[in-house]
Protein backbone atom coordinates (compact mmCIF):
# COMPACT_ATOMS: atom_id res chain seq x y z
CA MET A 1 -0.18 0.09 0.03
CA MET A 2 2.97 2.18 0.92
CA ARG A 3 4.72 1.55 -2.43
CA ARG A 4 1.42 2.37 -4.47
CA ALA A 5 1.32 5.91 -2.69
CA LEU A 6 4.95 6.37 -3.00
CA ALA A 7 4.33 5.78 -7.04
CA THR A 8 1.39 8.07 -6.98
CA LEU A 9 3.33 10.98 -5.31
CA ILE A 10 6.37 10.49 -7.98
CA VAL A 11 3.96 10.61 -10.77
CA THR A 12 2.05 13.67 -9.51
CA LEU A 13 4.97 15.79 -8.28
CA ALA A 14 6.34 15.13 -11.77
CA SER A 15 3.50 16.22 -13.74
CA THR A 16 3.77 19.56 -11.76
CA VAL A 17 7.39 20.18 -13.23
CA PHE A 18 6.75 19.47 -16.73
CA GLY A 19 3.59 21.31 -16.93
CA CYS A 20 0.52 18.26 -18.27
CA ASP A 21 -1.74 21.14 -18.96
CA ALA A 22 -0.27 23.36 -21.67
CA GLU A 23 -2.59 26.40 -20.47
CA ASP A 24 -1.15 26.42 -17.08
CA ALA A 25 2.54 27.36 -16.92
CA ARG A 26 2.67 27.08 -12.99
CA PRO A 27 3.36 23.68 -11.12
CA GLN A 28 0.58 22.37 -9.10
CA LEU A 29 0.55 21.34 -5.76
CA PRO A 30 0.83 17.40 -5.23
CA PRO A 31 -2.73 16.18 -4.46
CA ASP A 32 -2.12 12.99 -2.66
CA PRO A 33 1.21 13.16 -1.02
CA VAL A 34 2.69 10.29 1.24
CA ARG A 35 2.05 11.28 4.98
CA ALA A 36 4.92 9.92 7.51
CA ALA A 37 4.20 7.23 9.37
CA PRO A 38 1.89 7.48 12.64
CA GLY A 39 4.81 7.28 14.73
CA ASP A 40 6.62 10.09 13.30
CA ALA A 41 4.33 12.59 14.52
CA ALA A 42 5.08 12.24 17.94
CA ILE A 43 8.69 12.03 17.20
CA ALA A 44 9.71 9.77 19.86
CA PRO A 45 13.40 9.31 21.10
CA ASP A 46 13.49 5.88 19.75
CA ALA A 47 11.60 6.54 16.41
CA ALA A 48 13.01 6.60 13.11
CA PRO A 49 13.62 10.12 11.52
CA PRO A 50 10.48 10.79 9.23
CA VAL A 51 11.06 10.16 5.35
CA PHE A 52 9.40 12.41 2.80
CA THR A 53 8.97 11.72 -1.15
CA GLY A 54 10.12 14.69 -3.48
CA VAL A 55 10.47 15.59 -6.82
CA LEU A 56 13.41 17.85 -8.04
CA THR A 57 12.54 20.85 -10.31
CA ALA A 58 14.01 23.64 -12.24
CA ALA A 59 14.75 26.91 -10.58
CA GLU A 60 13.55 28.56 -13.94
CA SER A 61 10.90 27.31 -16.04
CA VAL A 62 8.49 28.94 -18.65
CA ASP A 63 5.90 28.62 -21.19
CA ILE A 64 6.67 30.11 -24.56
CA ALA A 65 3.34 31.16 -26.08
CA PRO A 66 2.28 34.13 -28.59
CA ARG A 67 0.59 37.14 -27.26
CA VAL A 68 -1.94 36.87 -30.12
CA ALA A 69 -3.79 34.18 -31.92
CA ALA A 70 -1.92 33.06 -35.04
CA LEU A 71 -0.74 30.39 -37.19
CA ILE A 72 2.49 28.71 -36.18
CA ALA A 73 4.74 29.15 -39.00
CA ALA A 74 7.74 27.20 -37.81
CA VAL A 75 9.09 25.45 -34.46
CA HIS A 76 12.92 25.46 -34.57
CA VAL A 77 13.40 23.09 -31.33
CA GLY A 78 12.61 20.10 -30.16
CA VAL A 79 12.24 18.35 -26.76
CA GLY A 80 15.84 17.85 -25.44
CA ASP A 81 17.46 20.65 -27.36
CA LYS A 82 19.48 23.23 -25.75
CA VAL A 83 18.54 26.90 -26.31
CA ALA A 84 20.11 30.04 -25.71
CA GLU A 85 19.17 33.53 -24.38
CA GLY A 86 17.29 35.32 -27.35
CA GLN A 87 17.20 32.37 -29.59
CA ILE A 88 14.48 32.34 -31.95
CA ILE A 89 12.57 29.41 -31.37
CA VAL A 90 9.21 30.01 -32.58
CA GLU A 91 7.86 32.00 -35.68
CA MET A 92 4.27 32.81 -35.89
CA ASP A 93 2.76 33.50 -39.58
CA PRO A 94 3.46 37.25 -40.12
CA MET A 95 1.17 37.42 -43.06
CA GLU A 96 -1.91 37.10 -40.93
CA LEU A 97 -0.35 39.76 -38.33
CA ARG A 98 0.40 42.15 -40.91
CA GLU A 99 -2.91 42.30 -42.70
CA GLU A 100 -4.33 43.00 -38.88
CA LEU A 101 -1.87 45.94 -39.14
CA ARG A 102 -2.81 47.32 -42.47
CA ALA A 103 -6.64 47.07 -41.11
CA ALA A 104 -5.54 48.87 -37.93
CA GLU A 105 -3.73 51.49 -39.68
CA ALA A 106 -6.20 52.21 -42.12
CA ALA A 107 -8.92 52.82 -39.53
CA ARG A 108 -6.25 54.76 -37.46
CA SER A 109 -6.14 57.03 -40.72
CA ALA A 110 -9.75 57.16 -41.06
CA ALA A 111 -10.00 58.36 -37.42
CA SER A 112 -7.57 60.97 -37.85
CA ALA A 113 -9.41 62.31 -40.67
CA ALA A 114 -12.73 62.44 -39.13
CA TYR A 115 -11.08 64.12 -36.11
CA LYS A 116 -9.67 66.87 -38.45
CA GLN A 117 -12.97 67.65 -40.18
CA ALA A 118 -14.68 67.62 -36.67
CA VAL A 119 -12.15 70.16 -35.76
CA VAL A 120 -12.88 72.31 -38.49
CA ASP A 121 -16.59 71.70 -37.85
CA LEU A 122 -16.15 73.42 -34.66
CA GLU A 123 -14.29 76.25 -35.55
CA ASP A 124 -16.94 76.86 -37.97
CA ALA A 125 -19.69 76.63 -35.31
CA ARG A 126 -17.75 79.12 -33.14
CA ARG A 127 -17.27 81.63 -35.75
CA LYS A 128 -20.98 81.41 -36.45
CA LEU A 129 -21.79 81.95 -32.71
CA VAL A 130 -19.52 85.00 -32.90
CA LEU A 131 -21.39 86.57 -35.81
CA GLU A 132 -24.70 85.98 -34.51
CA THR A 133 -23.69 87.72 -30.90
CA LYS A 134 -22.60 90.70 -32.71
CA ALA A 135 -26.05 90.90 -35.10
CA VAL A 136 -28.24 89.97 -32.23
CA ASN A 137 -26.75 92.89 -30.19
CA ALA A 138 -26.91 95.12 -33.51
CA GLY A 139 -30.48 94.35 -33.53
CA VAL A 140 -30.44 93.03 -37.14
CA SER A 141 -31.08 89.06 -35.79
CA PRO A 142 -33.37 87.54 -34.15
CA SER A 143 -32.19 86.13 -30.84
CA GLN A 144 -33.69 82.47 -31.88
CA ASN A 145 -30.51 82.52 -34.24
CA LEU A 146 -28.10 83.18 -31.57
CA ASP A 147 -29.92 80.17 -29.66
CA GLU A 148 -29.27 78.14 -32.40
CA ALA A 149 -25.72 79.15 -32.91
CA ARG A 150 -24.80 78.15 -29.41
CA LEU A 151 -26.54 74.85 -29.97
CA GLY A 152 -24.35 74.25 -32.87
CA VAL A 153 -21.45 75.17 -30.88
CA LYS A 154 -22.55 72.31 -28.37
CA ARG A 155 -23.00 69.67 -30.73
CA ALA A 156 -20.02 70.25 -32.69
CA GLN A 157 -17.89 70.14 -29.41
CA ALA A 158 -19.63 66.92 -28.55
CA VAL A 159 -18.76 65.26 -32.26
CA ALA A 160 -14.85 66.35 -31.77
CA GLU A 161 -14.88 64.56 -28.18
CA ARG A 162 -16.36 61.65 -29.61
CA VAL A 163 -14.18 61.31 -32.66
CA ARG A 164 -10.96 62.14 -30.62
CA SER A 165 -11.60 59.33 -28.60
CA THR A 166 -12.14 56.83 -31.44
CA GLN A 167 -9.23 58.42 -32.81
CA ALA A 168 -6.85 57.61 -29.71
CA ALA A 169 -8.72 53.82 -29.44
CA GLU A 170 -7.82 53.19 -33.36
CA ALA A 171 -4.10 54.49 -32.33
CA ALA A 172 -3.79 52.17 -29.71
CA ARG A 173 -4.97 49.17 -31.79
CA ALA A 174 -2.67 50.14 -34.48
CA GLN A 175 0.08 50.25 -32.13
CA THR A 176 -0.80 46.73 -30.52
CA ALA A 177 -0.76 45.21 -34.27
CA LYS A 178 2.58 46.62 -34.82
CA ASP A 179 3.79 45.01 -31.51
CA HIS A 180 2.29 41.91 -32.65
CA VAL A 181 4.19 41.83 -36.06
CA ASN A 182 7.43 42.76 -34.20
CA ASN A 183 7.04 40.03 -31.89
CA ALA A 184 5.92 37.15 -34.39
CA SER A 185 9.40 35.59 -33.75
CA LEU A 186 9.49 34.14 -29.98
CA ARG A 187 12.50 34.15 -28.28
CA ALA A 188 14.02 32.11 -25.38
CA PRO A 189 14.19 34.49 -22.26
CA PHE A 190 16.98 32.49 -21.01
CA ALA A 191 19.38 29.75 -21.59
CA GLY A 192 17.80 26.35 -20.99
CA THR A 193 16.41 23.08 -22.44
CA VAL A 194 13.13 22.36 -24.30
CA ALA A 195 11.17 20.30 -21.53
CA MET A 196 8.14 20.01 -23.37
CA ARG A 197 6.65 20.83 -26.96
CA TYR A 198 3.10 20.93 -27.30
CA ARG A 199 2.35 22.09 -30.68
CA ASP A 200 3.75 21.49 -34.39
CA ALA A 201 4.16 24.30 -37.35
CA GLY A 202 0.93 24.72 -39.16
CA ASN A 203 -1.12 24.56 -35.80
CA ARG A 204 -3.48 27.98 -34.79
CA VAL A 205 -3.23 28.68 -31.53
CA GLU A 206 -5.08 31.53 -29.16
CA ALA A 207 -3.12 34.00 -27.30
CA GLY A 208 -1.25 32.63 -24.28
CA ALA A 209 -1.35 29.01 -25.27
CA ALA A 210 1.88 27.68 -24.79
CA ILE A 211 4.05 26.25 -27.34
CA LEU A 212 7.15 24.98 -25.75
CA ARG A 213 8.15 24.82 -22.11
CA ILE A 214 11.70 25.67 -21.27
CA VAL A 215 13.73 25.02 -18.27
CA GLY A 216 16.79 26.81 -17.09
CA HIS A 217 20.42 25.34 -16.80
CA GLY A 218 20.54 26.98 -13.30
CA SER A 219 20.33 25.61 -9.80
CA MET A 220 17.90 22.85 -8.98
CA ARG A 221 15.01 22.56 -6.45
CA LEU A 222 13.42 20.04 -4.39
CA ARG A 223 9.84 19.99 -3.80
CA PHE A 224 8.33 17.93 -1.14
CA ALA A 225 5.26 17.57 1.22
CA VAL A 226 5.30 17.59 5.34
CA PRO A 227 2.53 16.63 7.50
CA PRO A 228 1.16 19.62 9.34
CA GLN A 229 2.37 17.71 12.56
CA LEU A 230 5.83 17.79 11.79
CA GLY A 231 5.84 21.30 10.05
CA ARG A 232 7.27 23.04 13.05
CA THR A 233 10.53 20.98 12.46
CA ILE A 234 10.89 22.29 8.83
CA THR A 235 11.39 26.08 8.46
CA VAL A 236 13.54 28.43 6.31
CA GLY A 237 17.12 27.66 6.60
CA THR A 238 16.70 23.72 7.39
CA LYS A 239 19.19 21.55 6.26
CA VAL A 240 17.50 18.45 4.67
CA SER A 241 19.46 15.42 2.63
CA ALA A 242 17.96 13.99 -0.51
CA THR A 243 18.96 10.70 -2.49
CA VAL A 244 18.05 10.37 -5.87
CA GLU A 245 18.91 6.89 -8.24
CA THR A 246 20.99 8.88 -10.30
CA VAL A 247 23.69 10.14 -7.83
CA PRO A 248 25.32 7.84 -5.46
CA LYS A 249 25.77 10.01 -2.55
CA PRO A 250 23.15 12.11 -0.74
CA ILE A 251 22.74 15.70 -1.80
CA ASN A 252 22.59 18.39 0.75
CA ALA A 253 19.89 21.03 0.44
CA THR A 254 18.47 24.35 1.96
CA VAL A 255 14.65 25.06 2.59
CA LYS A 256 14.21 28.05 1.21
CA GLN A 257 10.48 28.48 1.14
CA VAL A 258 7.60 26.64 3.50
CA SER A 259 4.12 27.38 2.58
CA PRO A 260 2.08 29.31 5.28
CA ALA A 261 -0.99 27.41 4.71
CA ILE A 262 -1.98 23.50 4.45
CA ASP A 263 -2.79 22.62 1.31
CA PRO A 264 -6.51 21.98 0.99
CA ALA A 265 -6.26 18.97 -1.63
CA SER A 266 -3.70 17.20 -0.01
CA GLY A 267 -3.67 18.28 3.61
CA MET A 268 0.05 18.59 3.70
CA ILE A 269 2.80 21.64 3.85
CA ILE A 270 4.30 22.26 0.47
CA VAL A 271 8.41 22.81 1.05
CA GLU A 272 10.67 23.75 -1.40
CA ALA A 273 14.64 23.67 -0.66
CA GLU A 274 17.61 24.69 -2.96
CA LEU A 275 20.23 21.82 -3.68
CA GLU A 276 23.84 22.62 -3.06
CA GLY A 277 26.38 21.98 -5.49
CA THR A 278 24.55 19.72 -7.93
CA THR A 279 25.31 21.29 -11.60
CA GLY A 280 25.77 18.70 -14.18
CA ALA A 281 23.93 16.23 -16.20
CA GLU A 282 23.30 13.43 -13.54
CA LEU A 283 20.32 15.82 -12.04
CA GLN A 284 17.40 16.44 -14.39
CA ALA A 285 13.86 17.95 -13.35
CA GLY A 286 11.27 15.47 -12.60
CA LEU A 287 13.49 12.90 -10.96
CA ALA A 288 12.36 11.27 -7.82
CA ALA A 289 13.86 11.97 -4.55
CA THR A 290 13.96 10.71 -0.86
CA VAL A 291 14.07 13.44 1.65
CA ARG A 292 15.31 13.37 5.32
CA PRO A 293 15.57 16.26 7.69
């Protein structure tokens, strides 16, 4: 029974590292981690030290996704490929984006022309008001004409304000479309390795839909779950020891983060620790680890 629970936890924690759900770039907390043996809760003097099951995670991990819905023109890397910071790894089809830019720029030009005309109309209405005011004061025009001139100015002002708002909105839309064209090539934000490839060239994706997942080459982290009754024994700065199959000796780690609340799904406290002196190919995100305080 315990062996089955351990296997379940390893699979669950590993899935949080590699993002089984492409729409969620954040690792999920393990739903059913292994609890320490009942005897561990009391931590009796003659009891064996508690043992926790965890998984290695990359300190840096990000999903590569477009800012706008578009067709994927090319994906230049695959799972396991190394990427450099700033390297172009995905290209979106620029034709559709450029067409949207042309439409947005045309709408902006039309709105700009409409605003210029509205300004001219407002100036004409104001000149008419001045003339009608003089005519009424001279007694050569009825006061009704003055009232109509004043109303004409108010209407022209309302039109000018409305058209100015439209012009600003179209200008913003055109700038956004321009940004989309400029960002049609998606680059790696940091040096790392392709951990997942969710989609291929020819697929159409929505804005924010992940195409690739990149994990960094930097330090690794250890994630494990602790029963609440043992939570006081694990704090930031606590030293722990972890063993993994690919490394013959235990690995030291220092706790960097302790969840301030119990995870409602698992009833456990989630802990993250930073591994010490463990750079190299022996460690990979997703490896299961046995953790001892």
